[in-house]
Amino acid sequence: MLPALKNLLQLSVPITIFSGDQDGIIPIEGTLQHLEKLAEELNIKLTKKETWSFGTKEGGLKYEFGDLLKFLTVKGGNHHVTSSRPLQAFSIFTSFTIKWMH
């Protein structure tokens, strides 16, 4: 997976990855470590770490690596974020993915 992400980033394709903070199969710490390693290989710095909002509630954490790579955690989400937190998943898609394309 990392080689494919690396190729896309080298082509300046924006990428948003999300993961539930209750995911017992692929913990966010592991994903974050892999993304940090990838960013280091591409000489991309972590430029922002902050919470993101879902309506009036905290949606989770957002990590931005440069202008092209975002990693979001979904508060209360499990391995299947789209099933466990469908509204938050849709919010990520519309707020971070579609907006990014325009």
PDB file of N, CA and C in Angstrom:
ATOM      1  N   MET A   1       0.817  -1.195   0.000  1.00  0.00           N
ATOM      2  CA  MET A   1       0.000   0.000   0.000  1.00  0.00           C
ATOM      3  C   MET A   1       0.858   1.256   0.000  1.00  0.00           C
ATOM      4  N   LEU A   2       1.930   1.261   0.784  1.00  0.00           N
ATOM      5  CA  LEU A   2       2.767   2.460   0.859  1.00  0.00           C
ATOM      6  C   LEU A   2       3.404   2.822  -0.480  1.00  0.00           C
ATOM      7  N   PRO A   3       3.887   1.849  -1.274  1.00  0.00           N
ATOM      8  CA  PRO A   3       4.438   2.230  -2.580  1.00  0.00           C
ATOM      9  C   PRO A   3       3.398   2.919  -3.473  1.00  0.00           C
ATOM     10  N   ALA A   4       2.155   2.452  -3.426  1.00  0.00           N
ATOM     11  CA  ALA A   4       1.100   3.083  -4.228  1.00  0.00           C
ATOM     12  C   ALA A   4       0.835   4.507  -3.743  1.00  0.00           C
ATOM     13  N   LEU A   5       0.766   4.693  -2.429  1.00  0.00           N
ATOM     14  CA  LEU A   5       0.564   6.039  -1.881  1.00  0.00           C
ATOM     15  C   LEU A   5       1.731   6.950  -2.248  1.00  0.00           C
ATOM     16  N   LYS A   6       2.938   6.410  -2.176  1.00  0.00           N
ATOM     17  CA  LYS A   6       4.129   7.189  -2.524  1.00  0.00           C
ATOM     18  C   LYS A   6       4.062   7.653  -3.974  1.00  0.00           C
ATOM     19  N   ASN A   7       3.691   6.737  -4.871  1.00  0.00           N
ATOM     20  CA  ASN A   7       3.569   7.103  -6.291  1.00  0.00           C
ATOM     21  C   ASN A   7       2.527   8.189  -6.500  1.00  0.00           C
ATOM     22  N   LEU A   8       1.388   8.071  -5.851  1.00  0.00           N
ATOM     23  CA  LEU A   8       0.336   9.080  -6.000  1.00  0.00           C
ATOM     24  C   LEU A   8       0.789  10.436  -5.476  1.00  0.00           C
ATOM     25  N   LEU A   9       1.444  10.443  -4.330  1.00  0.00           N
ATOM     26  CA  LEU A   9       1.925  11.709  -3.768  1.00  0.00           C
ATOM     27  C   LEU A   9       2.982  12.342  -4.665  1.00  0.00           C
ATOM     28  N   GLN A  10       3.836  11.513  -5.274  1.00  0.00           N
ATOM     29  CA  GLN A  10       4.847  12.044  -6.188  1.00  0.00           C
ATOM     30  C   GLN A  10       4.213  12.643  -7.438  1.00  0.00           C
ATOM     31  N   LEU A  11       2.994  12.207  -7.756  1.00  0.00           N
ATOM     32  CA  LEU A  11       2.243  12.774  -8.880  1.00  0.00           C
ATOM     33  C   LEU A  11       1.346  13.929  -8.435  1.00  0.00           C
ATOM     34  N   SER A  12       1.495  14.351  -7.186  1.00  0.00           N
ATOM     35  CA  SER A  12       0.722  15.453  -6.590  1.00  0.00           C
ATOM     36  C   SER A  12      -0.772  15.161  -6.501  1.00  0.00           C
ATOM     37  N   VAL A  13      -1.116  13.900  -6.277  1.00  0.00           N
ATOM     38  CA  VAL A  13      -2.514  13.516  -6.081  1.00  0.00           C
ATOM     39  C   VAL A  13      -2.817  13.622  -4.586  1.00  0.00           C
ATOM     40  N   PRO A  14      -3.800  14.434  -4.190  1.00  0.00           N
ATOM     41  CA  PRO A  14      -4.131  14.562  -2.766  1.00  0.00           C
ATOM     42  C   PRO A  14      -4.753  13.276  -2.222  1.00  0.00           C
ATOM     43  N   ILE A  15      -4.389  12.935  -1.000  1.00  0.00           N
ATOM     44  CA  ILE A  15      -4.862  11.700  -0.374  1.00  0.00           C
ATOM     45  C   ILE A  15      -5.407  12.018   1.017  1.00  0.00           C
ATOM     46  N   THR A  16      -6.600  11.501   1.311  1.00  0.00           N
ATOM     47  CA  THR A  16      -7.181  11.575   2.646  1.00  0.00           C
ATOM     48  C   THR A  16      -7.407  10.149   3.129  1.00  0.00           C
ATOM     49  N   ILE A  17      -6.857   9.826   4.282  1.00  0.00           N
ATOM     50  CA  ILE A  17      -7.014   8.504   4.892  1.00  0.00           C
ATOM     51  C   ILE A  17      -7.718   8.713   6.228  1.00  0.00           C
ATOM     52  N   PHE A  18      -8.656   7.816   6.556  1.00  0.00           N
ATOM     53  CA  PHE A  18      -9.311   7.934   7.857  1.00  0.00           C
ATOM     54  C   PHE A  18      -9.386   6.574   8.525  1.00  0.00           C
ATOM     55  N   SER A  19      -9.448   6.608   9.853  1.00  0.00           N
ATOM     56  CA  SER A  19      -9.474   5.383  10.637  1.00  0.00           C
ATOM     57  C   SER A  19     -10.198   5.646  11.947  1.00  0.00           C
ATOM     58  N   GLY A  20     -10.964   4.669  12.393  1.00  0.00           N
ATOM     59  CA  GLY A  20     -11.657   4.799  13.668  1.00  0.00           C
ATOM     60  C   GLY A  20     -10.705   4.690  14.843  1.00  0.00           C
ATOM     61  N   ASP A  21     -10.920   5.503  15.858  1.00  0.00           N
ATOM     62  CA  ASP A  21     -10.025   5.453  17.019  1.00  0.00           C
ATOM     63  C   ASP A  21     -10.310   4.249  17.919  1.00  0.00           C
ATOM     64  N   GLN A  22     -11.338   3.472  17.604  1.00  0.00           N
ATOM     65  CA  GLN A  22     -11.652   2.244  18.334  1.00  0.00           C
ATOM     66  C   GLN A  22     -11.356   1.006  17.488  1.00  0.00           C
ATOM     67  N   ASP A  23     -10.566   1.173  16.433  1.00  0.00           N
ATOM     68  CA  ASP A  23     -10.231   0.078  15.523  1.00  0.00           C
ATOM     69  C   ASP A  23      -9.243  -0.862  16.201  1.00  0.00           C
ATOM     70  N   GLY A  24      -9.681  -2.074  16.500  1.00  0.00           N
ATOM     71  CA  GLY A  24      -8.815  -3.056  17.130  1.00  0.00           C
ATOM     72  C   GLY A  24      -8.035  -3.892  16.134  1.00  0.00           C
ATOM     73  N   ILE A  25      -8.330  -3.751  14.860  1.00  0.00           N
ATOM     74  CA  ILE A  25      -7.650  -4.533  13.826  1.00  0.00           C
ATOM     75  C   ILE A  25      -6.441  -3.780  13.284  1.00  0.00           C
ATOM     76  N   ILE A  26      -6.633  -2.517  12.938  1.00  0.00           N
ATOM     77  CA  ILE A  26      -5.538  -1.667  12.457  1.00  0.00           C
ATOM     78  C   ILE A  26      -5.542  -0.403  13.314  1.00  0.00           C
ATOM     79  N   PRO A  27      -4.825  -0.423  14.431  1.00  0.00           N
ATOM     80  CA  PRO A  27      -4.804   0.740  15.326  1.00  0.00           C
ATOM     81  C   PRO A  27      -4.245   1.988  14.635  1.00  0.00           C
ATOM     82  N   ILE A  28      -4.772   3.137  15.014  1.00  0.00           N
ATOM     83  CA  ILE A  28      -4.347   4.389  14.375  1.00  0.00           C
ATOM     84  C   ILE A  28      -2.866   4.661  14.580  1.00  0.00           C
ATOM     85  N   GLU A  29      -2.314   4.181  15.681  1.00  0.00           N
ATOM     86  CA  GLU A  29      -0.888   4.416  15.937  1.00  0.00           C
ATOM     87  C   GLU A  29      -0.028   3.796  14.841  1.00  0.00           C
ATOM     88  N   GLY A  30      -0.391   2.587  14.405  1.00  0.00           N
ATOM     89  CA  GLY A  30       0.355   1.919  13.340  1.00  0.00           C
ATOM     90  C   GLY A  30       0.230   2.649  12.020  1.00  0.00           C
ATOM     91  N   THR A  31      -0.987   3.068  11.694  1.00  0.00           N
ATOM     92  CA  THR A  31      -1.196   3.819  10.455  1.00  0.00           C
ATOM     93  C   THR A  31      -0.401   5.111  10.479  1.00  0.00           C
ATOM     94  N   LEU A  32      -0.450   5.800  11.599  1.00  0.00           N
ATOM     95  CA  LEU A  32       0.274   7.064  11.722  1.00  0.00           C
ATOM     96  C   LEU A  32       1.781   6.854  11.578  1.00  0.00           C
ATOM     97  N   GLN A  33       2.307   5.789  12.163  1.00  0.00           N
ATOM     98  CA  GLN A  33       3.743   5.502  12.034  1.00  0.00           C
ATOM     99  C   GLN A  33       4.128   5.272  10.578  1.00  0.00           C
ATOM    100  N   HIS A  34       3.306   4.518   9.853  1.00  0.00           N
ATOM    101  CA  HIS A  34       3.592   4.264   8.437  1.00  0.00           C
ATOM    102  C   HIS A  34       3.523   5.552   7.619  1.00  0.00           C
ATOM    103  N   LEU A  35       2.538   6.394   7.916  1.00  0.00           N
ATOM    104  CA  LEU A  35       2.419   7.655   7.181  1.00  0.00           C
ATOM    105  C   LEU A  35       3.572   8.595   7.507  1.00  0.00           C
ATOM    106  N   GLU A  36       4.008   8.605   8.753  1.00  0.00           N
ATOM    107  CA  GLU A  36       5.165   9.433   9.123  1.00  0.00           C
ATOM    108  C   GLU A  36       6.420   8.963   8.389  1.00  0.00           C
ATOM    109  N   LYS A  37       6.588   7.646   8.270  1.00  0.00           N
ATOM    110  CA  LYS A  37       7.733   7.090   7.536  1.00  0.00           C
ATOM    111  C   LYS A  37       7.656   7.481   6.062  1.00  0.00           C
ATOM    112  N   LEU A  38       6.465   7.360   5.479  1.00  0.00           N
ATOM    113  CA  LEU A  38       6.272   7.741   4.080  1.00  0.00           C
ATOM    114  C   LEU A  38       6.567   9.222   3.881  1.00  0.00           C
ATOM    115  N   ALA A  39       6.048  10.048   4.757  1.00  0.00           N
ATOM    116  CA  ALA A  39       6.279  11.494   4.661  1.00  0.00           C
ATOM    117  C   ALA A  39       7.767  11.808   4.762  1.00  0.00           C
ATOM    118  N   GLU A  40       8.453  11.118   5.651  1.00  0.00           N
ATOM    119  CA  GLU A  40       9.896  11.340   5.801  1.00  0.00           C
ATOM    120  C   GLU A  40      10.640  10.977   4.514  1.00  0.00           C
ATOM    121  N   GLU A  41      10.252   9.856   3.891  1.00  0.00           N
ATOM    122  CA  GLU A  41      10.876   9.441   2.628  1.00  0.00           C
ATOM    123  C   GLU A  41      10.692  10.494   1.536  1.00  0.00           C
ATOM    124  N   LEU A  42       9.550  11.173   1.568  1.00  0.00           N
ATOM    125  CA  LEU A  42       9.241  12.186   0.551  1.00  0.00           C
ATOM    126  C   LEU A  42       9.607  13.594   1.005  1.00  0.00           C
ATOM    127  N   ASN A  43      10.247  13.681   2.167  1.00  0.00           N
ATOM    128  CA  ASN A  43      10.642  14.977   2.730  1.00  0.00           C
ATOM    129  C   ASN A  43       9.439  15.904   2.935  1.00  0.00           C
ATOM    130  N   ILE A  44       8.355  15.315   3.442  1.00  0.00           N
ATOM    131  CA  ILE A  44       7.142  16.068   3.755  1.00  0.00           C
ATOM    132  C   ILE A  44       7.039  16.150   5.273  1.00  0.00           C
ATOM    133  N   LYS A  45       6.804  17.320   5.776  1.00  0.00           N
ATOM    134  CA  LYS A  45       6.714  17.535   7.225  1.00  0.00           C
ATOM    135  C   LYS A  45       5.260  17.492   7.691  1.00  0.00           C
ATOM    136  N   LEU A  46       5.073  17.096   8.948  1.00  0.00           N
ATOM    137  CA  LEU A  46       3.765  17.226   9.579  1.00  0.00           C
ATOM    138  C   LEU A  46       3.537  18.716   9.784  1.00  0.00           C
ATOM    139  N   THR A  47       2.570  19.280   9.074  1.00  0.00           N
ATOM    140  CA  THR A  47       2.362  20.725   9.113  1.00  0.00           C
ATOM    141  C   THR A  47       1.227  21.144  10.040  1.00  0.00           C
ATOM    142  N   LYS A  48       0.345  20.195  10.374  1.00  0.00           N
ATOM    143  CA  LYS A  48      -0.777  20.563  11.236  1.00  0.00           C
ATOM    144  C   LYS A  48      -1.314  19.326  11.945  1.00  0.00           C
ATOM    145  N   LYS A  49      -1.596  19.479  13.234  1.00  0.00           N
ATOM    146  CA  LYS A  49      -2.286  18.453  14.011  1.00  0.00           C
ATOM    147  C   LYS A  49      -3.325  19.182  14.845  1.00  0.00           C
ATOM    148  N   GLU A  50      -4.580  18.850  14.607  1.00  0.00           N
ATOM    149  CA  GLU A  50      -5.663  19.527  15.312  1.00  0.00           C
ATOM    150  C   GLU A  50      -6.898  18.645  15.319  1.00  0.00           C
ATOM    151  N   THR A  51      -7.898  19.046  16.073  1.00  0.00           N
ATOM    152  CA  THR A  51      -9.161  18.318  16.046  1.00  0.00           C
ATOM    153  C   THR A  51      -9.972  18.784  14.845  1.00  0.00           C
ATOM    154  N   TRP A  52     -10.823  17.907  14.355  1.00  0.00           N
ATOM    155  CA  TRP A  52     -11.763  18.305  13.320  1.00  0.00           C
ATOM    156  C   TRP A  52     -13.166  18.135  13.905  1.00  0.00           C
ATOM    157  N   SER A  53     -14.088  18.927  13.391  1.00  0.00           N
ATOM    158  CA  SER A  53     -15.437  18.954  13.956  1.00  0.00           C
ATOM    159  C   SER A  53     -16.437  18.264  13.052  1.00  0.00           C
ATOM    160  N   PHE A  54     -17.417  17.668  13.706  1.00  0.00           N
ATOM    161  CA  PHE A  54     -18.563  17.077  13.033  1.00  0.00           C
ATOM    162  C   PHE A  54     -19.773  17.766  13.634  1.00  0.00           C
ATOM    163  N   GLY A  55     -20.318  18.730  12.906  1.00  0.00           N
ATOM    164  CA  GLY A  55     -21.378  19.557  13.468  1.00  0.00           C
ATOM    165  C   GLY A  55     -20.815  20.357  14.627  1.00  0.00           C
ATOM    166  N   THR A  56     -21.392  20.181  15.803  1.00  0.00           N
ATOM    167  CA  THR A  56     -20.898  20.891  16.990  1.00  0.00           C
ATOM    168  C   THR A  56     -20.026  19.998  17.868  1.00  0.00           C
ATOM    169  N   LYS A  57     -19.769  18.773  17.406  1.00  0.00           N
ATOM    170  CA  LYS A  57     -18.993  17.816  18.193  1.00  0.00           C
ATOM    171  C   LYS A  57     -17.612  17.601  17.590  1.00  0.00           C
ATOM    172  N   GLU A  58     -16.705  17.142  18.435  1.00  0.00           N
ATOM    173  CA  GLU A  58     -15.377  16.781  17.953  1.00  0.00           C
ATOM    174  C   GLU A  58     -15.483  15.492  17.144  1.00  0.00           C
ATOM    175  N   GLY A  59     -14.949  15.526  15.921  1.00  0.00           N
ATOM    176  CA  GLY A  59     -14.998  14.350  15.061  1.00  0.00           C
ATOM    177  C   GLY A  59     -13.822  13.421  15.262  1.00  0.00           C
ATOM    178  N   GLY A  60     -12.702  13.977  15.724  1.00  0.00           N
ATOM    179  CA  GLY A  60     -11.476  13.202  15.905  1.00  0.00           C
ATOM    180  C   GLY A  60     -10.278  14.110  15.710  1.00  0.00           C
ATOM    181  N   LEU A  61      -9.149  13.517  15.385  1.00  0.00           N
ATOM    182  CA  LEU A  61      -7.925  14.280  15.138  1.00  0.00           C
ATOM    183  C   LEU A  61      -7.623  14.324  13.651  1.00  0.00           C
ATOM    184  N   LYS A  62      -6.980  15.413  13.238  1.00  0.00           N
ATOM    185  CA  LYS A  62      -6.574  15.564  11.837  1.00  0.00           C
ATOM    186  C   LYS A  62      -5.085  15.853  11.803  1.00  0.00           C
ATOM    187  N   TYR A  63      -4.374  15.058  11.022  1.00  0.00           N
ATOM    188  CA  TYR A  63      -2.945  15.257  10.800  1.00  0.00           C
ATOM    189  C   TYR A  63      -2.769  15.638   9.337  1.00  0.00           C
ATOM    190  N   GLU A  64      -2.078  16.730   9.084  1.00  0.00           N
ATOM    191  CA  GLU A  64      -1.802  17.141   7.711  1.00  0.00           C
ATOM    192  C   GLU A  64      -0.301  17.093   7.475  1.00  0.00           C
ATOM    193  N   PHE A  65       0.071  16.398   6.429  1.00  0.00           N
ATOM    194  CA  PHE A  65       1.463  16.325   6.004  1.00  0.00           C
ATOM    195  C   PHE A  65       1.559  17.117   4.709  1.00  0.00           C
ATOM    196  N   GLY A  66       2.096  18.316   4.790  1.00  0.00           N
ATOM    197  CA  GLY A  66       2.162  19.164   3.603  1.00  0.00           C
ATOM    198  C   GLY A  66       0.770  19.477   3.087  1.00  0.00           C
ATOM    199  N   ASP A  67       0.683  19.663   1.774  1.00  0.00           N
ATOM    200  CA  ASP A  67      -0.596  20.025   1.148  1.00  0.00           C
ATOM    201  C   ASP A  67      -1.356  18.828   0.585  1.00  0.00           C
ATOM    202  N   LEU A  68      -0.723  17.655   0.555  1.00  0.00           N
ATOM    203  CA  LEU A  68      -1.327  16.548  -0.181  1.00  0.00           C
ATOM    204  C   LEU A  68      -1.816  15.371   0.655  1.00  0.00           C
ATOM    205  N   LEU A  69      -1.340  15.231   1.869  1.00  0.00           N
ATOM    206  CA  LEU A  69      -1.673  14.039   2.650  1.00  0.00           C
ATOM    207  C   LEU A  69      -2.340  14.420   3.964  1.00  0.00           C
ATOM    208  N   LYS A  70      -3.551  13.864   4.166  1.00  0.00           N
ATOM    209  CA  LYS A  70      -4.287  14.073   5.411  1.00  0.00           C
ATOM    210  C   LYS A  70      -4.628  12.710   6.009  1.00  0.00           C
ATOM    211  N   PHE A  71      -4.526  12.629   7.330  1.00  0.00           N
ATOM    212  CA  PHE A  71      -4.955  11.441   8.065  1.00  0.00           C
ATOM    213  C   PHE A  71      -5.894  11.900   9.165  1.00  0.00           C
ATOM    214  N   LEU A  72      -7.106  11.347   9.172  1.00  0.00           N
ATOM    215  CA  LEU A  72      -8.104  11.723  10.169  1.00  0.00           C
ATOM    216  C   LEU A  72      -8.499  10.511  10.993  1.00  0.00           C
ATOM    217  N   THR A  73      -8.609  10.724  12.300  1.00  0.00           N
ATOM    218  CA  THR A  73      -9.185   9.693  13.154  1.00  0.00           C
ATOM    219  C   THR A  73     -10.659  10.030  13.337  1.00  0.00           C
ATOM    220  N   VAL A  74     -11.458   8.997  13.520  1.00  0.00           N
ATOM    221  CA  VAL A  74     -12.893   9.193  13.726  1.00  0.00           C
ATOM    222  C   VAL A  74     -13.225   8.744  15.142  1.00  0.00           C
ATOM    223  N   LYS A  75     -13.617   9.698  15.950  1.00  0.00           N
ATOM    224  CA  LYS A  75     -13.921   9.440  17.362  1.00  0.00           C
ATOM    225  C   LYS A  75     -15.068   8.432  17.472  1.00  0.00           C
ATOM    226  N   GLY A  76     -14.803   7.334  18.183  1.00  0.00           N
ATOM    227  CA  GLY A  76     -15.819   6.306  18.382  1.00  0.00           C
ATOM    228  C   GLY A  76     -15.973   5.340  17.230  1.00  0.00           C
ATOM    229  N   GLY A  77     -15.204   5.531  16.172  1.00  0.00           N
ATOM    230  CA  GLY A  77     -15.301   4.653  15.007  1.00  0.00           C
ATOM    231  C   GLY A  77     -14.494   3.380  15.192  1.00  0.00           C
ATOM    232  N   ASN A  78     -14.996   2.280  14.629  1.00  0.00           N
ATOM    233  CA  ASN A  78     -14.247   1.036  14.696  1.00  0.00           C
ATOM    234  C   ASN A  78     -13.582   0.757  13.345  1.00  0.00           C
ATOM    235  N   HIS A  79     -13.274  -0.503  13.065  1.00  0.00           N
ATOM    236  CA  HIS A  79     -12.577  -0.855  11.823  1.00  0.00           C
ATOM    237  C   HIS A  79     -13.401  -0.475  10.586  1.00  0.00           C
ATOM    238  N   HIS A  80     -14.707  -0.530  10.708  1.00  0.00           N
ATOM    239  CA  HIS A  80     -15.597  -0.177   9.600  1.00  0.00           C
ATOM    240  C   HIS A  80     -16.242   1.179   9.894  1.00  0.00           C
ATOM    241  N   VAL A  81     -15.484   2.237   9.683  1.00  0.00           N
ATOM    242  CA  VAL A  81     -15.955   3.593  10.008  1.00  0.00           C
ATOM    243  C   VAL A  81     -17.253   3.913   9.277  1.00  0.00           C
ATOM    244  N   THR A  82     -17.354   3.500   8.024  1.00  0.00           N
ATOM    245  CA  THR A  82     -18.560   3.836   7.264  1.00  0.00           C
ATOM    246  C   THR A  82     -19.805   3.169   7.846  1.00  0.00           C
ATOM    247  N   SER A  83     -19.642   2.071   8.580  1.00  0.00           N
ATOM    248  CA  SER A  83     -20.777   1.422   9.247  1.00  0.00           C
ATOM    249  C   SER A  83     -20.966   1.924  10.670  1.00  0.00           C
ATOM    250  N   SER A  84     -19.858   2.091  11.398  1.00  0.00           N
ATOM    251  CA  SER A  84     -19.968   2.474  12.808  1.00  0.00           C
ATOM    252  C   SER A  84     -20.223   3.961  13.005  1.00  0.00           C
ATOM    253  N   ARG A  85     -19.737   4.788  12.094  1.00  0.00           N
ATOM    254  CA  ARG A  85     -19.932   6.244  12.164  1.00  0.00           C
ATOM    255  C   ARG A  85     -20.202   6.777  10.753  1.00  0.00           C
ATOM    256  N   PRO A  86     -21.346   6.373  10.156  1.00  0.00           N
ATOM    257  CA  PRO A  86     -21.605   6.735   8.758  1.00  0.00           C
ATOM    258  C   PRO A  86     -21.711   8.237   8.505  1.00  0.00           C
ATOM    259  N   LEU A  87     -22.283   8.980   9.415  1.00  0.00           N
ATOM    260  CA  LEU A  87     -22.416  10.423   9.188  1.00  0.00           C
ATOM    261  C   LEU A  87     -21.060  11.116   9.243  1.00  0.00           C
ATOM    262  N   GLN A  88     -20.208  10.666  10.149  1.00  0.00           N
ATOM    263  CA  GLN A  88     -18.865  11.238  10.221  1.00  0.00           C
ATOM    264  C   GLN A  88     -18.064  10.872   8.967  1.00  0.00           C
ATOM    265  N   ALA A  89     -18.209   9.637   8.499  1.00  0.00           N
ATOM    266  CA  ALA A  89     -17.517   9.212   7.277  1.00  0.00           C
ATOM    267  C   ALA A  89     -17.974  10.057   6.089  1.00  0.00           C
ATOM    268  N   PHE A  90     -19.272  10.308   5.997  1.00  0.00           N
ATOM    269  CA  PHE A  90     -19.788  11.144   4.908  1.00  0.00           C
ATOM    270  C   PHE A  90     -19.268  12.569   5.037  1.00  0.00           C
ATOM    271  N   SER A  91     -19.179  13.062   6.262  1.00  0.00           N
ATOM    272  CA  SER A  91     -18.641  14.403   6.494  1.00  0.00           C
ATOM    273  C   SER A  91     -17.189  14.493   6.027  1.00  0.00           C
ATOM    274  N   ILE A  92     -16.399  13.456   6.308  1.00  0.00           N
ATOM    275  CA  ILE A  92     -15.011  13.437   5.831  1.00  0.00           C
ATOM    276  C   ILE A  92     -14.993  13.486   4.314  1.00  0.00           C
ATOM    277  N   PHE A  93     -15.816  12.671   3.697  1.00  0.00           N
ATOM    278  CA  PHE A  93     -15.851  12.624   2.239  1.00  0.00           C
ATOM    279  C   PHE A  93     -16.217  13.979   1.645  1.00  0.00           C
ATOM    280  N   THR A  94     -17.245  14.617   2.187  1.00  0.00           N
ATOM    281  CA  THR A  94     -17.675  15.895   1.613  1.00  0.00           C
ATOM    282  C   THR A  94     -16.779  17.057   2.020  1.00  0.00           C
ATOM    283  N   SER A  95     -16.344  17.084   3.275  1.00  0.00           N
ATOM    284  CA  SER A  95     -15.571  18.230   3.767  1.00  0.00           C
ATOM    285  C   SER A  95     -14.107  18.199   3.383  1.00  0.00           C
ATOM    286  N   PHE A  96     -13.512  17.021   3.385  1.00  0.00           N
ATOM    287  CA  PHE A  96     -12.075  16.955   3.167  1.00  0.00           C
ATOM    288  C   PHE A  96     -11.711  16.446   1.781  1.00  0.00           C
ATOM    289  N   THR A  97     -12.523  15.593   1.204  1.00  0.00           N
ATOM    290  CA  THR A  97     -12.183  15.022  -0.089  1.00  0.00           C
ATOM    291  C   THR A  97     -12.748  15.853  -1.232  1.00  0.00           C
ATOM    292  N   ILE A  98     -14.037  16.088  -1.252  1.00  0.00           N
ATOM    293  CA  ILE A  98     -14.640  16.832  -2.357  1.00  0.00           C
ATOM    294  C   ILE A  98     -14.169  18.280  -2.364  1.00  0.00           C
ATOM    295  N   LYS A  99     -14.114  18.938  -1.209  1.00  0.00           N
ATOM    296  CA  LYS A  99     -13.629  20.326  -1.158  1.00  0.00           C
ATOM    297  C   LYS A  99     -12.208  20.426  -1.677  1.00  0.00           C
ATOM    298  N   TRP A 100     -11.398  19.436  -1.351  1.00  0.00           N
ATOM    299  CA  TRP A 100      -9.999  19.420  -1.751  1.00  0.00           C
ATOM    300  C   TRP A 100      -9.861  19.379  -3.268  1.00  0.00           C
ATOM    301  N   MET A 101     -10.844  18.770  -3.933  1.00  0.00           N
ATOM    302  CA  MET A 101     -10.763  18.608  -5.383  1.00  0.00           C
ATOM    303  C   MET A 101     -11.096  19.896  -6.130  1.00  0.00           C
ATOM    304  N   HIS A 102     -11.699  20.856  -5.450  1.00  0.00           N
ATOM    305  CA  HIS A 102     -12.104  22.095  -6.137  1.00  0.00           C
ATOM    306  C   HIS A 102     -11.191  23.239  -5.806  1.00  0.00           C
TER     307      HIS A 102
END
